[in-house]
Every structure is written in C-alpha cells, then in structure tokens.
Amino acid sequence: MAQRRQRWRRSGGALATAGVMVCVCAGAAGCSGSGAAAEDARGADDAVGLLKNAPDRLEAAGSSKARTAMEMATGGTRVTIRGEGVYDFRHRLGELRVVLPQDPAGSSEHRPITELLAPGALFMKNRGAGVPADKWVRVESASVSDGNLVTGGATDPFAAAEVLRGTRTATYVGRTEVAGTPVRHYRGTADLAAAARGAVVPADRDALRAAAKGFATALVPFDVYLDDAGRIRKIRHRFSFVNGQKKDAVAVASTTLLYDFGAPVAVRLPRSADIYDGRIAERTPGGSPRG
C-alpha cells in the first residue's frame, strides 16, 4: 500500500511540474504556434488587406521623420536624389531637404532644395531655373503627369503609402530588420487607378489618377516593411515614367524610410506674396531644367 502511495505521489508531482512548465511557456510567448509566429501566419494569409490598411496605421501614428532616395536611370545614366525631413500624416504636411546629385563633371554641387508637402501641392525653394532665391515655386500635384510621385525628386511619404490602397497582389517574404527595428517584409504590385479610388483625401485621388495616366503602366511593383504595429518603416516603389514619350522612359526606384514616430512637425506654408509667378524651366525627373 505504501508503495502505491509513493508511486501516486511521484506521478502527481510529475504532472504538476509539467503543468507549471506549460503555464510558464504560455506566459513567456505562447510557445510555438502563437505569438509572433501566429501573427506572421495571419499576415501571410491576408497580406493584401493588411497593406491596403497601412496608410491608416500611419495616420494613427501622427507623424515621423523621413528619409527618401530616388534613383533614376535613362540612356545609360543613373542618378540618385536624397531627401530628409519630417511628415505629419494627419494633416498631410511635410518638409524635406532634398539634395540633387553633382553635375556630370563633378565640379559643382546644386544647392539643397527645401520642399514643403501639402494636400494637392508641392512648394519648392532654391529650385533654380531662373526662380529668385527668396521665392517659392508651387506645383499642383494633379497638374503633373506623375501626380508628384516623381517630379519633386522625393515621393510624398503619405502618397507613397496611399499607393498601397491599390494593392492587387502581395506575398509575405519573411521577417527582417530595418534600422534595427524588427519588421515583416512584403512584396507585391499595386494599381494606381485602384489606389486613386481608395484614397481618402480628394487631392490624393486626383494626384494618383494623374500618375495612373502619366506612367508607362498603372501597375507599380513594391517592397514594403511593416513593424509590429503595422506601420510602414520602409517602402520602395519601381515606376516607369514616360514623360510624354515612351521612347524617353525613365526607370525610377523611389525609397522612403520612416522612423522616430511622434516627432514634432511644424510646417509653415508660404504666403501668396512669396510664391514666384513668372515663367520657369520645366525639370525632368532627374532635376535638370529644360526650357
């Protein structure tokens, strides 16, 4: 009888120990099959829906700092334009300092362009092309054939996100890091016309409609990296900008990096008196003027 009790106690102790281990495992991270693994599975199952809602996550975040890079290749020439600044996703306002590449000879540098981003408009200072140094140039996003996704040398960060509203196909690539932040990598294709229909702000709809008509194709391949809050940390689009003639197509890769969410943003748009209303030379996406 004593031997039976001893065996029961040992068996019960083993069961209790196993139960504690299960509880600890569940409390730590849900063991395998839950936690991050389950989130990854859900993200893979509904990648299209997840990406279409990514702009809303940015709006909820409020603001961030941003870095941009626009690589362009045409006729054997490749240039990269870089920008850095801040963006307010709720009010669609931002400020970027955009640096143009050196001249081909490398002997001189362009002055950095200050760009103010607003709903339906882009303001540029130090643009050159005959514009006085103390004046701003205003560009209506819907009036340019790329919807201002390319013209300014930097894609408006919220416009870059709005493109995802037109996501047609998306594949979950896997987990990685962007600037030390764990992210989920997705790859897919978006339709600019569909993105225009899904855009919340009328000015964004008009700009995306213009881009759908102005690019060589309305389908835009992309790679996007979302953090665990669903916010875009990095997005890269590949456009083909025809500039009115298919033989002059420019291959454009636009990358936007978002970080330091909640950063203060204070954008002050120019007064009417500070906007240049004279004739200016039109610039190609590469930033060089043409009369």
Protein backbone atom coordinates (compact mmCIF):
# COMPACT_ATOMS: atom_id res chain seq x y z
CA MET A 1 0.00 0.00 0.00
CA ALA A 2 2.85 2.36 0.89
CA GLN A 3 4.49 1.59 -2.45
CA ARG A 4 1.27 2.52 -4.29
CA ARG A 5 1.05 5.86 -2.45
CA GLN A 6 4.70 6.58 -3.28
CA ARG A 7 4.09 5.85 -6.97
CA TRP A 8 0.98 8.10 -6.95
CA ARG A 9 2.88 10.96 -5.31
CA ARG A 10 5.69 10.67 -7.87
CA SER A 11 3.23 10.59 -10.74
CA GLY A 12 1.26 13.53 -9.37
CA GLY A 13 4.44 15.52 -8.87
CA ALA A 14 5.46 14.91 -12.45
CA LEU A 15 2.06 16.06 -13.67
CA ALA A 16 2.23 19.20 -11.55
CA THR A 17 5.69 20.02 -12.85
CA ALA A 18 4.54 19.56 -16.42
CA GLY A 19 1.57 21.84 -15.74
CA VAL A 20 3.85 24.59 -14.40
CA MET A 21 6.07 24.32 -17.47
CA VAL A 22 3.04 24.71 -19.75
CA CYS A 23 1.93 27.82 -17.87
CA VAL A 24 5.40 29.39 -17.98
CA CYS A 25 5.73 28.58 -21.67
CA ALA A 26 2.35 30.12 -22.44
CA GLY A 27 3.14 33.21 -20.39
CA ALA A 28 6.54 33.74 -21.97
CA ALA A 29 5.49 33.86 -25.63
CA GLY A 30 2.73 31.38 -26.20
CA CYS A 31 5.34 28.71 -27.05
CA SER A 32 5.34 27.74 -30.70
CA GLY A 33 2.25 28.24 -32.86
CA SER A 34 1.24 31.54 -31.24
CA GLY A 35 2.72 34.98 -30.60
CA ALA A 36 4.95 36.23 -33.42
CA ALA A 37 4.57 33.00 -35.38
CA ALA A 38 0.79 33.29 -35.36
CA GLU A 39 0.98 36.97 -36.32
CA ASP A 40 3.23 36.05 -39.25
CA ALA A 41 0.74 33.40 -40.34
CA ARG A 42 -2.15 35.86 -40.22
CA GLY A 43 -0.09 38.47 -42.08
CA ALA A 44 0.72 35.97 -44.80
CA ASP A 45 -2.93 34.90 -45.15
CA ASP A 46 -4.29 38.44 -45.60
CA ALA A 47 -1.33 40.36 -46.99
CA VAL A 48 -3.44 42.35 -49.48
CA GLY A 49 -5.91 43.53 -46.84
CA LEU A 50 -3.14 44.33 -44.39
CA LEU A 51 -1.27 46.52 -46.89
CA LYS A 52 -4.39 48.36 -48.02
CA ASN A 53 -4.86 49.45 -44.40
CA ALA A 54 -1.22 50.50 -43.87
CA PRO A 55 -1.91 54.22 -44.58
CA ASP A 56 -4.44 54.24 -41.74
CA ARG A 57 -1.77 52.99 -39.33
CA LEU A 58 0.47 55.90 -40.32
CA GLU A 59 -2.35 58.36 -39.75
CA ALA A 60 -2.88 56.87 -36.29
CA ALA A 61 0.85 57.26 -35.58
CA GLY A 62 0.55 61.01 -36.22
CA SER A 63 3.98 61.90 -37.55
CA SER A 64 7.52 60.70 -38.15
CA LYS A 65 10.89 61.62 -39.51
CA ALA A 66 11.61 60.52 -43.07
CA ARG A 67 14.49 59.81 -45.41
CA THR A 68 13.97 59.45 -49.14
CA ALA A 69 16.06 58.25 -52.07
CA MET A 70 15.05 58.40 -55.71
CA GLU A 71 17.19 56.51 -58.20
CA MET A 72 16.68 57.24 -61.88
CA ALA A 73 18.15 55.58 -64.93
CA THR A 74 17.78 56.66 -68.54
CA GLY A 75 20.04 56.43 -71.57
CA GLY A 76 22.80 54.71 -69.58
CA THR A 77 22.85 57.47 -66.94
CA ARG A 78 21.93 56.79 -63.32
CA VAL A 79 21.44 59.46 -60.66
CA THR A 80 20.21 59.42 -57.05
CA ILE A 81 18.39 62.27 -55.30
CA ARG A 82 18.21 62.14 -51.50
CA GLY A 83 15.94 63.87 -49.03
CA GLU A 84 15.45 64.10 -45.29
CA GLY A 85 12.83 65.73 -43.09
CA VAL A 86 9.59 65.28 -41.16
CA TYR A 87 5.97 64.50 -42.03
CA ASP A 88 2.57 64.97 -40.35
CA PHE A 89 0.32 62.12 -41.54
CA ARG A 90 -2.86 63.53 -40.04
CA HIS A 91 -2.64 66.91 -41.74
CA ARG A 92 -0.70 65.69 -44.85
CA LEU A 93 2.04 68.26 -44.27
CA GLY A 94 5.78 67.70 -44.51
CA GLU A 95 9.14 69.34 -45.03
CA LEU A 96 12.10 67.76 -46.81
CA ARG A 97 15.60 68.97 -47.60
CA VAL A 98 16.37 67.45 -51.00
CA VAL A 99 19.93 67.15 -52.29
CA LEU A 100 20.45 66.84 -56.04
CA PRO A 101 23.41 64.90 -57.47
CA GLN A 102 26.58 66.60 -58.63
CA ASP A 103 26.95 67.74 -62.22
CA PRO A 104 28.42 65.06 -64.52
CA ALA A 105 31.84 66.72 -64.30
CA GLY A 106 31.62 66.61 -60.50
CA SER A 107 32.92 70.17 -60.33
CA SER A 108 29.91 71.78 -58.66
CA GLU A 109 27.01 70.95 -56.40
CA HIS A 110 23.43 72.13 -56.56
CA ARG A 111 22.08 73.97 -53.53
CA PRO A 112 19.74 71.78 -51.48
CA ILE A 113 16.07 72.31 -52.33
CA THR A 114 13.62 72.88 -49.50
CA GLU A 115 10.32 71.15 -50.24
CA LEU A 116 7.06 71.68 -48.39
CA LEU A 117 4.46 68.97 -48.96
CA ALA A 118 0.77 69.78 -48.62
CA PRO A 119 -2.52 68.22 -49.81
CA GLY A 120 -2.53 68.59 -53.58
CA ALA A 121 0.55 70.81 -53.74
CA LEU A 122 4.33 70.91 -53.56
CA PHE A 123 6.30 74.07 -52.70
CA MET A 124 9.99 74.27 -53.63
CA LYS A 125 12.65 76.83 -52.68
CA ASN A 126 16.14 77.07 -54.24
CA ARG A 127 14.77 75.33 -57.30
CA GLY A 128 16.90 77.34 -59.71
CA ALA A 129 15.76 77.59 -63.34
CA GLY A 130 15.50 81.37 -63.11
CA VAL A 131 13.48 81.48 -59.87
CA PRO A 132 14.69 84.16 -57.40
CA ALA A 133 16.39 82.69 -54.33
CA ASP A 134 13.80 84.15 -51.94
CA LYS A 135 10.79 82.83 -53.83
CA TRP A 136 8.88 79.55 -53.72
CA VAL A 137 7.58 77.56 -56.67
CA ARG A 138 4.17 75.94 -56.27
CA VAL A 139 3.34 72.76 -58.20
CA GLU A 140 -0.19 71.34 -58.24
CA SER A 141 0.14 67.57 -57.81
CA ALA A 142 -2.70 66.75 -60.19
CA SER A 143 -1.22 69.02 -62.90
CA VAL A 144 1.93 66.95 -63.44
CA SER A 145 1.83 63.66 -65.28
CA ASP A 146 3.33 61.66 -62.43
CA GLY A 147 1.00 63.02 -59.75
CA ASN A 148 4.09 64.39 -57.99
CA LEU A 149 5.30 60.90 -57.13
CA VAL A 150 8.49 61.70 -59.06
CA THR A 151 8.61 65.42 -60.01
CA GLY A 152 9.93 66.71 -56.69
CA GLY A 153 12.77 64.20 -56.57
CA ALA A 154 11.12 62.68 -53.48
CA THR A 155 7.82 60.85 -53.13
CA ASP A 156 5.44 62.39 -50.61
CA PRO A 157 5.57 59.87 -47.71
CA PHE A 158 1.80 59.62 -47.36
CA ALA A 159 1.33 59.39 -51.13
CA ALA A 160 3.83 56.50 -51.08
CA ALA A 161 1.61 54.79 -48.51
CA GLU A 162 -1.60 55.61 -50.42
CA VAL A 163 -0.27 53.64 -53.40
CA LEU A 164 -0.75 50.54 -51.24
CA ARG A 165 -4.52 51.08 -51.24
CA GLY A 166 -4.38 49.76 -54.77
CA THR A 167 -2.56 46.53 -53.81
CA ARG A 168 -3.55 43.77 -56.23
CA THR A 169 -1.08 41.04 -55.28
CA ALA A 170 1.11 40.66 -52.20
CA THR A 171 3.41 37.98 -50.83
CA TYR A 172 4.78 37.71 -47.32
CA VAL A 173 8.56 37.36 -47.72
CA GLY A 174 9.55 36.97 -44.07
CA ARG A 175 10.93 38.72 -41.03
CA THR A 176 13.96 41.01 -41.13
CA GLU A 177 15.13 44.35 -39.66
CA VAL A 178 15.10 47.94 -40.86
CA ALA A 179 17.45 50.26 -38.97
CA GLY A 180 17.44 47.85 -36.02
CA THR A 181 13.63 47.53 -35.89
CA PRO A 182 12.04 44.07 -36.41
CA VAL A 183 9.76 44.18 -39.45
CA ARG A 184 7.74 41.98 -41.79
CA HIS A 185 8.70 42.19 -45.46
CA TYR A 186 6.00 42.09 -48.14
CA ARG A 187 6.41 42.21 -51.92
CA GLY A 188 3.64 42.91 -54.38
CA THR A 189 2.06 45.02 -57.10
CA ALA A 190 -0.32 47.96 -56.76
CA ASP A 191 -2.68 49.50 -59.32
CA LEU A 192 -2.54 53.32 -59.28
CA ALA A 193 -6.06 53.64 -60.64
CA ALA A 194 -7.39 51.43 -57.83
CA ALA A 195 -5.28 53.38 -55.31
CA ALA A 196 -6.90 56.60 -56.55
CA ARG A 197 -10.36 55.16 -55.96
CA GLY A 198 -9.37 54.10 -52.44
CA ALA A 199 -7.65 57.35 -51.40
CA VAL A 200 -9.38 59.18 -48.57
CA VAL A 201 -8.42 62.77 -49.49
CA PRO A 202 -9.72 64.19 -52.81
CA ALA A 203 -6.35 65.82 -53.57
CA ASP A 204 -4.67 62.43 -53.22
CA ARG A 205 -7.22 60.85 -55.54
CA ASP A 206 -6.56 63.47 -58.22
CA ALA A 207 -2.78 63.06 -57.96
CA LEU A 208 -2.95 59.26 -58.17
CA ARG A 209 -5.28 59.47 -61.17
CA ALA A 210 -2.74 61.70 -62.91
CA ALA A 211 0.03 59.21 -62.10
CA ALA A 212 -2.05 56.30 -63.43
CA LYS A 213 -2.25 58.10 -66.78
CA GLY A 214 1.28 59.50 -66.85
CA PHE A 215 3.37 56.44 -66.07
CA ALA A 216 4.16 53.77 -68.65
CA THR A 217 1.91 51.41 -66.69
CA ALA A 218 -0.53 51.90 -63.83
CA LEU A 219 0.86 48.76 -62.15
CA VAL A 220 3.60 49.55 -59.63
CA PRO A 221 5.83 46.82 -58.12
CA PHE A 222 6.75 47.47 -54.49
CA ASP A 223 8.53 46.14 -51.43
CA VAL A 224 7.25 47.29 -48.05
CA TYR A 225 8.37 46.61 -44.47
CA LEU A 226 5.87 46.89 -41.60
CA ASP A 227 6.73 46.95 -37.90
CA ASP A 228 4.72 45.03 -35.30
CA ALA A 229 2.28 47.97 -35.02
CA GLY A 230 1.55 47.72 -38.75
CA ARG A 231 3.34 50.99 -39.53
CA ILE A 232 5.41 51.36 -42.67
CA ARG A 233 9.10 51.53 -41.83
CA LYS A 234 10.35 51.31 -45.39
CA ILE A 235 8.68 51.25 -48.79
CA ARG A 236 10.22 51.02 -52.23
CA HIS A 237 8.32 51.57 -55.49
CA ARG A 238 9.51 51.00 -59.03
CA PHE A 239 7.96 53.39 -61.53
CA SER A 240 8.42 53.81 -65.27
CA PHE A 241 7.99 57.50 -66.01
CA VAL A 242 7.39 58.16 -69.71
CA ASN A 243 7.40 61.97 -69.62
CA GLY A 244 5.00 62.07 -72.57
CA GLN A 245 7.02 59.82 -74.88
CA LYS A 246 7.57 56.11 -74.32
CA LYS A 247 10.96 56.22 -76.05
CA ASP A 248 12.17 58.54 -73.29
CA ALA A 249 11.02 56.29 -70.44
CA VAL A 250 12.86 56.81 -67.16
CA ALA A 251 13.17 53.89 -64.74
CA VAL A 252 12.60 55.22 -61.22
CA ALA A 253 13.07 53.46 -57.88
CA SER A 254 11.71 55.53 -55.00
CA THR A 255 12.53 54.52 -51.41
CA THR A 256 11.01 56.08 -48.29
CA LEU A 257 12.28 55.28 -44.79
CA LEU A 258 10.12 56.28 -41.80
CA TYR A 259 11.36 56.42 -38.21
CA ASP A 260 11.05 58.30 -34.90
CA PHE A 261 7.23 58.22 -34.91
CA GLY A 262 5.64 61.06 -32.98
CA ALA A 263 8.41 63.52 -33.90
CA PRO A 264 7.28 67.19 -33.77
CA VAL A 265 6.33 68.72 -37.12
CA ALA A 266 5.89 72.46 -37.70
CA VAL A 267 5.33 73.24 -41.39
CA ARG A 268 4.55 76.80 -42.39
CA LEU A 269 3.32 77.16 -45.95
CA PRO A 270 4.47 80.22 -47.97
CA ARG A 271 2.35 83.34 -48.30
CA SER A 272 0.99 84.18 -51.73
CA ALA A 273 3.44 87.07 -51.99
CA ASP A 274 6.36 84.65 -51.55
CA ILE A 275 5.34 82.40 -54.46
CA TYR A 276 7.01 83.02 -57.82
CA ASP A 277 4.51 83.53 -60.62
CA GLY A 278 6.91 84.01 -63.52
CA ARG A 279 7.94 81.54 -66.21
CA ILE A 280 10.21 78.73 -65.10
CA ALA A 281 12.02 75.98 -66.96
CA GLU A 282 10.36 72.58 -66.56
CA ARG A 283 12.54 69.96 -64.92
CA THR A 284 12.88 66.34 -65.85
CA PRO A 285 12.53 63.79 -63.04
CA GLY A 286 16.31 63.89 -62.74
CA GLY A 287 16.17 67.51 -61.66
CA SER A 288 17.74 69.14 -64.70
CA PRO A 289 15.85 72.09 -66.21
CA ARG A 290 14.54 72.14 -69.71
CA GLY A 291 13.11 75.24 -71.28
